[in-house]
């Protein structure tokens, strides 16, 4: 559970949140994992074909790029 503190304006309306650094880093890590999952879903949905890793490495070596 993330503990939050709110900053309020002069009318006592919440306008900002203060998180401790540990909670902030945890939330950022979760967001990055979700972004990775969405990227993978998109790649699988739009794939046109996959190549074997060994084939790609061989090609890169032949081109002098590896």
PDB file of N, CA and C in Angstrom:
ATOM      1  N   UNK A   1       0.842  -1.177   0.000  1.00  0.00           N
ATOM      2  CA  UNK A   1       0.000   0.000   0.000  1.00  0.00           C
ATOM      3  C   UNK A   1       0.886   1.238   0.000  1.00  0.00           C
ATOM      4  N   UNK A   2       0.541   2.167  -0.854  1.00  0.00           N
ATOM      5  CA  UNK A   2       1.292   3.411  -0.962  1.00  0.00           C
ATOM      6  C   UNK A   2       0.703   4.422   0.020  1.00  0.00           C
ATOM      7  N   UNK A   3       1.579   4.980   0.836  1.00  0.00           N
ATOM      8  CA  UNK A   3       1.085   6.006   1.758  1.00  0.00           C
ATOM      9  C   UNK A   3       1.228   7.365   1.085  1.00  0.00           C
ATOM     10  N   UNK A   4       0.188   8.145   1.135  1.00  0.00           N
ATOM     11  CA  UNK A   4       0.196   9.442   0.469  1.00  0.00           C
ATOM     12  C   UNK A   4      -0.161  10.548   1.448  1.00  0.00           C
ATOM     13  N   UNK A   5       0.378  11.712   1.151  1.00  0.00           N
ATOM     14  CA  UNK A   5       0.000  12.930   1.857  1.00  0.00           C
ATOM     15  C   UNK A   5      -0.431  13.921   0.788  1.00  0.00           C
ATOM     16  N   UNK A   6      -1.440  14.667   1.077  1.00  0.00           N
ATOM     17  CA  UNK A   6      -1.977  15.599   0.103  1.00  0.00           C
ATOM     18  C   UNK A   6      -1.579  17.024   0.456  1.00  0.00           C
ATOM     19  N   UNK A   7      -1.314  17.798  -0.570  1.00  0.00           N
ATOM     20  CA  UNK A   7      -1.128  19.238  -0.407  1.00  0.00           C
ATOM     21  C   UNK A   7      -2.437  19.886  -0.835  1.00  0.00           C
ATOM     22  N   UNK A   8      -2.877  20.820  -0.044  1.00  0.00           N
ATOM     23  CA  UNK A   8      -4.159  21.461  -0.332  1.00  0.00           C
ATOM     24  C   UNK A   8      -3.956  22.948  -0.552  1.00  0.00           C
ATOM     25  N   UNK A   9      -4.893  23.540  -1.297  1.00  0.00           N
ATOM     26  CA  UNK A   9      -4.827  24.981  -1.523  1.00  0.00           C
ATOM     27  C   UNK A   9      -5.534  25.719  -0.391  1.00  0.00           C
ATOM     28  N   UNK A  10      -5.681  27.019  -0.547  1.00  0.00           N
ATOM     29  CA  UNK A  10      -6.285  27.826   0.524  1.00  0.00           C
ATOM     30  C   UNK A  10      -7.771  27.537   0.736  1.00  0.00           C
ATOM     31  N   UNK A  11      -8.390  26.835  -0.218  1.00  0.00           N
ATOM     32  CA  UNK A  11      -9.797  26.433  -0.056  1.00  0.00           C
ATOM     33  C   UNK A  11      -9.914  24.976   0.371  1.00  0.00           C
ATOM     34  N   UNK A  12      -8.798  24.417   0.800  1.00  0.00           N
ATOM     35  CA  UNK A  12      -8.721  23.049   1.303  1.00  0.00           C
ATOM     36  C   UNK A  12      -9.018  21.992   0.228  1.00  0.00           C
ATOM     37  N   UNK A  13      -8.741  22.332  -1.043  1.00  0.00           N
ATOM     38  CA  UNK A  13      -8.897  21.364  -2.138  1.00  0.00           C
ATOM     39  C   UNK A  13      -7.554  20.697  -2.393  1.00  0.00           C
ATOM     40  N   UNK A  14      -7.578  19.385  -2.554  1.00  0.00           N
ATOM     41  CA  UNK A  14      -6.345  18.646  -2.831  1.00  0.00           C
ATOM     42  C   UNK A  14      -5.834  19.042  -4.212  1.00  0.00           C
ATOM     43  N   UNK A  15      -4.546  19.371  -4.288  1.00  0.00           N
ATOM     44  CA  UNK A  15      -3.977  19.731  -5.580  1.00  0.00           C
ATOM     45  C   UNK A  15      -2.616  19.090  -5.855  1.00  0.00           C
ATOM     46  N   UNK A  16      -2.106  18.297  -4.926  1.00  0.00           N
ATOM     47  CA  UNK A  16      -0.848  17.595  -5.133  1.00  0.00           C
ATOM     48  C   UNK A  16      -0.739  16.446  -4.130  1.00  0.00           C
ATOM     49  N   UNK A  17       0.130  15.503  -4.460  1.00  0.00           N
ATOM     50  CA  UNK A  17       0.361  14.351  -3.586  1.00  0.00           C
ATOM     51  C   UNK A  17       1.852  14.269  -3.292  1.00  0.00           C
ATOM     52  N   UNK A  18       2.183  13.948  -2.055  1.00  0.00           N
ATOM     53  CA  UNK A  18       3.564  13.721  -1.662  1.00  0.00           C
ATOM     54  C   UNK A  18       3.723  12.231  -1.380  1.00  0.00           C
ATOM     55  N   UNK A  19       4.682  11.610  -2.081  1.00  0.00           N
ATOM     56  CA  UNK A  19       4.989  10.191  -1.868  1.00  0.00           C
ATOM     57  C   UNK A  19       6.397  10.077  -1.312  1.00  0.00           C
ATOM     58  N   UNK A  20       6.631   9.054  -0.490  1.00  0.00           N
ATOM     59  CA  UNK A  20       8.017   8.850  -0.091  1.00  0.00           C
ATOM     60  C   UNK A  20       8.751   8.213  -1.269  1.00  0.00           C
ATOM     61  N   UNK A  21      10.061   8.312  -1.284  1.00  0.00           N
ATOM     62  CA  UNK A  21      10.862   7.881  -2.422  1.00  0.00           C
ATOM     63  C   UNK A  21      10.687   6.397  -2.737  1.00  0.00           C
ATOM     64  N   UNK A  22      10.593   5.571  -1.712  1.00  0.00           N
ATOM     65  CA  UNK A  22      10.423   4.130  -1.918  1.00  0.00           C
ATOM     66  C   UNK A  22       9.113   3.850  -2.668  1.00  0.00           C
ATOM     67  N   UNK A  23       8.026   4.478  -2.258  1.00  0.00           N
ATOM     68  CA  UNK A  23       6.740   4.280  -2.930  1.00  0.00           C
ATOM     69  C   UNK A  23       6.780   4.800  -4.366  1.00  0.00           C
ATOM     70  N   UNK A  24       7.426   5.949  -4.558  1.00  0.00           N
ATOM     71  CA  UNK A  24       7.551   6.524  -5.900  1.00  0.00           C
ATOM     72  C   UNK A  24       8.293   5.560  -6.828  1.00  0.00           C
ATOM     73  N   UNK A  25       9.433   5.045  -6.374  1.00  0.00           N
ATOM     74  CA  UNK A  25      10.216   4.106  -7.187  1.00  0.00           C
ATOM     75  C   UNK A  25       9.411   2.849  -7.497  1.00  0.00           C
ATOM     76  N   UNK A  26       8.643   2.375  -6.526  1.00  0.00           N
ATOM     77  CA  UNK A  26       7.799   1.197  -6.729  1.00  0.00           C
ATOM     78  C   UNK A  26       6.742   1.473  -7.802  1.00  0.00           C
ATOM     79  N   UNK A  27       6.102   2.621  -7.742  1.00  0.00           N
ATOM     80  CA  UNK A  27       5.091   2.972  -8.748  1.00  0.00           C
ATOM     81  C   UNK A  27       5.714   3.109 -10.134  1.00  0.00           C
ATOM     82  N   UNK A  28       6.877   3.707 -10.223  1.00  0.00           N
ATOM     83  CA  UNK A  28       7.564   3.835 -11.513  1.00  0.00           C
ATOM     84  C   UNK A  28       7.902   2.457 -12.077  1.00  0.00           C
ATOM     85  N   UNK A  29       8.381   1.547 -11.238  1.00  0.00           N
ATOM     86  CA  UNK A  29       8.703   0.196 -11.690  1.00  0.00           C
ATOM     87  C   UNK A  29       7.451  -0.510 -12.210  1.00  0.00           C
ATOM     88  N   UNK A  30       6.329  -0.355 -11.524  1.00  0.00           N
ATOM     89  CA  UNK A  30       5.080  -0.963 -11.994  1.00  0.00           C
ATOM     90  C   UNK A  30       4.652  -0.391 -13.340  1.00  0.00           C
ATOM     91  N   UNK A  31       4.776   0.910 -13.490  1.00  0.00           N
ATOM     92  CA  UNK A  31       4.417   1.550 -14.766  1.00  0.00           C
ATOM     93  C   UNK A  31       5.304   1.027 -15.890  1.00  0.00           C
ATOM     94  N   UNK A  32       6.609   0.897 -15.630  1.00  0.00           N
ATOM     95  CA  UNK A  32       7.521   0.390 -16.653  1.00  0.00           C
ATOM     96  C   UNK A  32       7.181  -1.046 -17.037  1.00  0.00           C
ATOM     97  N   UNK A  33       6.813  -1.876 -16.054  1.00  0.00           N
ATOM     98  CA  UNK A  33       6.411  -3.246 -16.356  1.00  0.00           C
ATOM     99  C   UNK A  33       5.151  -3.278 -17.211  1.00  0.00           C
ATOM    100  N   UNK A  34       4.202  -2.415 -16.905  1.00  0.00           N
ATOM    101  CA  UNK A  34       2.977  -2.341 -17.704  1.00  0.00           C
ATOM    102  C   UNK A  34       3.271  -1.869 -19.125  1.00  0.00           C
ATOM    103  N   UNK A  35       4.162  -0.899 -19.273  1.00  0.00           N
ATOM    104  CA  UNK A  35       4.550  -0.441 -20.602  1.00  0.00           C
ATOM    105  C   UNK A  35       5.199  -1.562 -21.396  1.00  0.00           C
ATOM    106  N   UNK A  36       6.073  -2.342 -20.748  1.00  0.00           N
ATOM    107  CA  UNK A  36       6.716  -3.475 -21.414  1.00  0.00           C
ATOM    108  C   UNK A  36       5.675  -4.500 -21.862  1.00  0.00           C
ATOM    109  N   UNK A  37       4.704  -4.780 -21.008  1.00  0.00           N
ATOM    110  CA  UNK A  37       3.656  -5.737 -21.351  1.00  0.00           C
ATOM    111  C   UNK A  37       2.833  -5.237 -22.537  1.00  0.00           C
ATOM    112  N   UNK A  38       2.526  -3.947 -22.550  1.00  0.00           N
ATOM    113  CA  UNK A  38       1.781  -3.370 -23.672  1.00  0.00           C
ATOM    114  C   UNK A  38       2.596  -3.418 -24.960  1.00  0.00           C
ATOM    115  N   UNK A  39       3.894  -3.150 -24.870  1.00  0.00           N
ATOM    116  CA  UNK A  39       4.760  -3.237 -26.048  1.00  0.00           C
ATOM    117  C   UNK A  39       4.799  -4.666 -26.585  1.00  0.00           C
ATOM    118  N   UNK A  40       4.891  -5.646 -25.697  1.00  0.00           N
ATOM    119  CA  UNK A  40       4.899  -7.040 -26.117  1.00  0.00           C
ATOM    120  C   UNK A  40       3.576  -7.413 -26.769  1.00  0.00           C
ATOM    121  N   UNK A  41       2.465  -7.016 -26.161  1.00  0.00           N
ATOM    122  CA  UNK A  41       1.154  -7.282 -26.755  1.00  0.00           C
ATOM    123  C   UNK A  41       1.058  -6.677 -28.145  1.00  0.00           C
ATOM    124  N   UNK A  42       1.536  -5.454 -28.297  1.00  0.00           N
ATOM    125  CA  UNK A  42       1.498  -4.788 -29.596  1.00  0.00           C
ATOM    126  C   UNK A  42       2.376  -5.510 -30.612  1.00  0.00           C
ATOM    127  N   UNK A  43       3.554  -5.928 -30.204  1.00  0.00           N
ATOM    128  CA  UNK A  43       4.459  -6.643 -31.099  1.00  0.00           C
ATOM    129  C   UNK A  43       3.834  -7.962 -31.559  1.00  0.00           C
ATOM    130  N   UNK A  44       3.217  -8.675 -30.646  1.00  0.00           N
ATOM    131  CA  UNK A  44       2.580  -9.943 -31.017  1.00  0.00           C
ATOM    132  C   UNK A  44       1.374  -9.714 -31.929  1.00  0.00           C
ATOM    133  N   UNK A  45       0.652  -8.634 -31.687  1.00  0.00           N
ATOM    134  CA  UNK A  45      -0.541  -8.341 -32.478  1.00  0.00           C
ATOM    135  C   UNK A  45      -0.183  -7.903 -33.900  1.00  0.00           C
ATOM    136  N   UNK A  46       0.943  -7.226 -34.061  1.00  0.00           N
ATOM    137  CA  UNK A  46       1.308  -6.668 -35.365  1.00  0.00           C
ATOM    138  C   UNK A  46       2.452  -7.419 -36.034  1.00  0.00           C
ATOM    139  N   UNK A  47       2.823  -8.546 -35.491  1.00  0.00           N
ATOM    140  CA  UNK A  47       3.978  -9.282 -36.029  1.00  0.00           C
ATOM    141  C   UNK A  47       3.727  -9.688 -37.489  1.00  0.00           C
ATOM    142  N   UNK A  48       4.806  -9.673 -38.235  1.00  0.00           N
ATOM    143  CA  UNK A  48       4.754 -10.161 -39.608  1.00  0.00           C
ATOM    144  C   UNK A  48       5.618 -11.403 -39.750  1.00  0.00           C
ATOM    145  N   UNK A  49       6.411 -11.687 -38.770  1.00  0.00           N
ATOM    146  CA  UNK A  49       7.265 -12.872 -38.776  1.00  0.00           C
ATOM    147  C   UNK A  49       8.425 -12.686 -37.827  1.00  0.00           C
ATOM    148  N   UNK A  50       8.984 -13.774 -37.395  1.00  0.00           N
ATOM    149  CA  UNK A  50      10.125 -13.745 -36.491  1.00  0.00           C
ATOM    150  C   UNK A  50      11.279 -14.469 -37.152  1.00  0.00           C
ATOM    151  N   UNK A  51      12.497 -14.007 -36.823  1.00  0.00           N
ATOM    152  CA  UNK A  51      13.703 -14.656 -37.325  1.00  0.00           C
ATOM    153  C   UNK A  51      14.433 -15.297 -36.161  1.00  0.00           C
ATOM    154  N   UNK A  52      15.132 -16.351 -36.457  1.00  0.00           N
ATOM    155  CA  UNK A  52      15.900 -17.062 -35.446  1.00  0.00           C
ATOM    156  C   UNK A  52      17.079 -16.200 -34.986  1.00  0.00           C
ATOM    157  N   UNK A  53      17.320 -16.199 -33.682  1.00  0.00           N
ATOM    158  CA  UNK A  53      18.391 -15.392 -33.096  1.00  0.00           C
ATOM    159  C   UNK A  53      19.750 -15.744 -33.697  1.00  0.00           C
ATOM    160  N   UNK A  54      20.023 -17.030 -33.866  1.00  0.00           N
ATOM    161  CA  UNK A  54      21.309 -17.463 -34.422  1.00  0.00           C
ATOM    162  C   UNK A  54      21.483 -16.924 -35.843  1.00  0.00           C
ATOM    163  N   UNK A  55      20.414 -16.879 -36.599  1.00  0.00           N
ATOM    164  CA  UNK A  55      20.462 -16.361 -37.965  1.00  0.00           C
ATOM    165  C   UNK A  55      20.812 -14.867 -37.972  1.00  0.00           C
ATOM    166  N   UNK A  56      20.226 -14.137 -37.063  1.00  0.00           N
ATOM    167  CA  UNK A  56      20.493 -12.697 -36.969  1.00  0.00           C
ATOM    168  C   UNK A  56      21.933 -12.452 -36.552  1.00  0.00           C
ATOM    169  N   UNK A  57      22.432 -13.211 -35.567  1.00  0.00           N
ATOM    170  CA  UNK A  57      23.824 -13.060 -35.122  1.00  0.00           C
ATOM    171  C   UNK A  57      24.792 -13.351 -36.262  1.00  0.00           C
ATOM    172  N   UNK A  58      24.524 -14.399 -37.020  1.00  0.00           N
ATOM    173  CA  UNK A  58      25.379 -14.772 -38.149  1.00  0.00           C
ATOM    174  C   UNK A  58      25.408 -13.635 -39.176  1.00  0.00           C
ATOM    175  N   UNK A  59      24.261 -13.094 -39.481  1.00  0.00           N
ATOM    176  CA  UNK A  59      24.167 -12.004 -40.442  1.00  0.00           C
ATOM    177  C   UNK A  59      24.934 -10.769 -39.962  1.00  0.00           C
ATOM    178  N   UNK A  60      24.791 -10.428 -38.678  1.00  0.00           N
ATOM    179  CA  UNK A  60      25.501  -9.272 -38.131  1.00  0.00           C
ATOM    180  C   UNK A  60      27.012  -9.472 -38.152  1.00  0.00           C
ATOM    181  N   UNK A  61      27.475 -10.694 -37.865  1.00  0.00           N
ATOM    182  CA  UNK A  61      28.909 -10.989 -37.911  1.00  0.00           C
ATOM    183  C   UNK A  61      29.431 -10.850 -39.332  1.00  0.00           C
ATOM    184  N   UNK A  62      28.676 -11.328 -40.313  1.00  0.00           N
ATOM    185  CA  UNK A  62      29.080 -11.234 -41.709  1.00  0.00           C
ATOM    186  C   UNK A  62      29.174  -9.766 -42.150  1.00  0.00           C
ATOM    187  N   UNK A  63      28.356  -8.926 -41.583  1.00  0.00           N
ATOM    188  CA  UNK A  63      28.358  -7.508 -41.926  1.00  0.00           C
ATOM    189  C   UNK A  63      29.376  -6.722 -41.111  1.00  0.00           C
ATOM    190  N   UNK A  64      30.045  -7.407 -40.181  1.00  0.00           N
ATOM    191  CA  UNK A  64      31.039  -6.749 -39.335  1.00  0.00           C
ATOM    192  C   UNK A  64      30.417  -5.831 -38.286  1.00  0.00           C
ATOM    193  N   UNK A  65      29.162  -6.048 -37.976  1.00  0.00           N
ATOM    194  CA  UNK A  65      28.464  -5.194 -36.999  1.00  0.00           C
ATOM    195  C   UNK A  65      28.380  -5.847 -35.618  1.00  0.00           C
ATOM    196  N   UNK A  66      29.024  -6.986 -35.457  1.00  0.00           N
ATOM    197  CA  UNK A  66      29.008  -7.674 -34.167  1.00  0.00           C
ATOM    198  C   UNK A  66      30.369  -8.211 -33.842  1.00  0.00           C
TER     199      UNK A  66
END
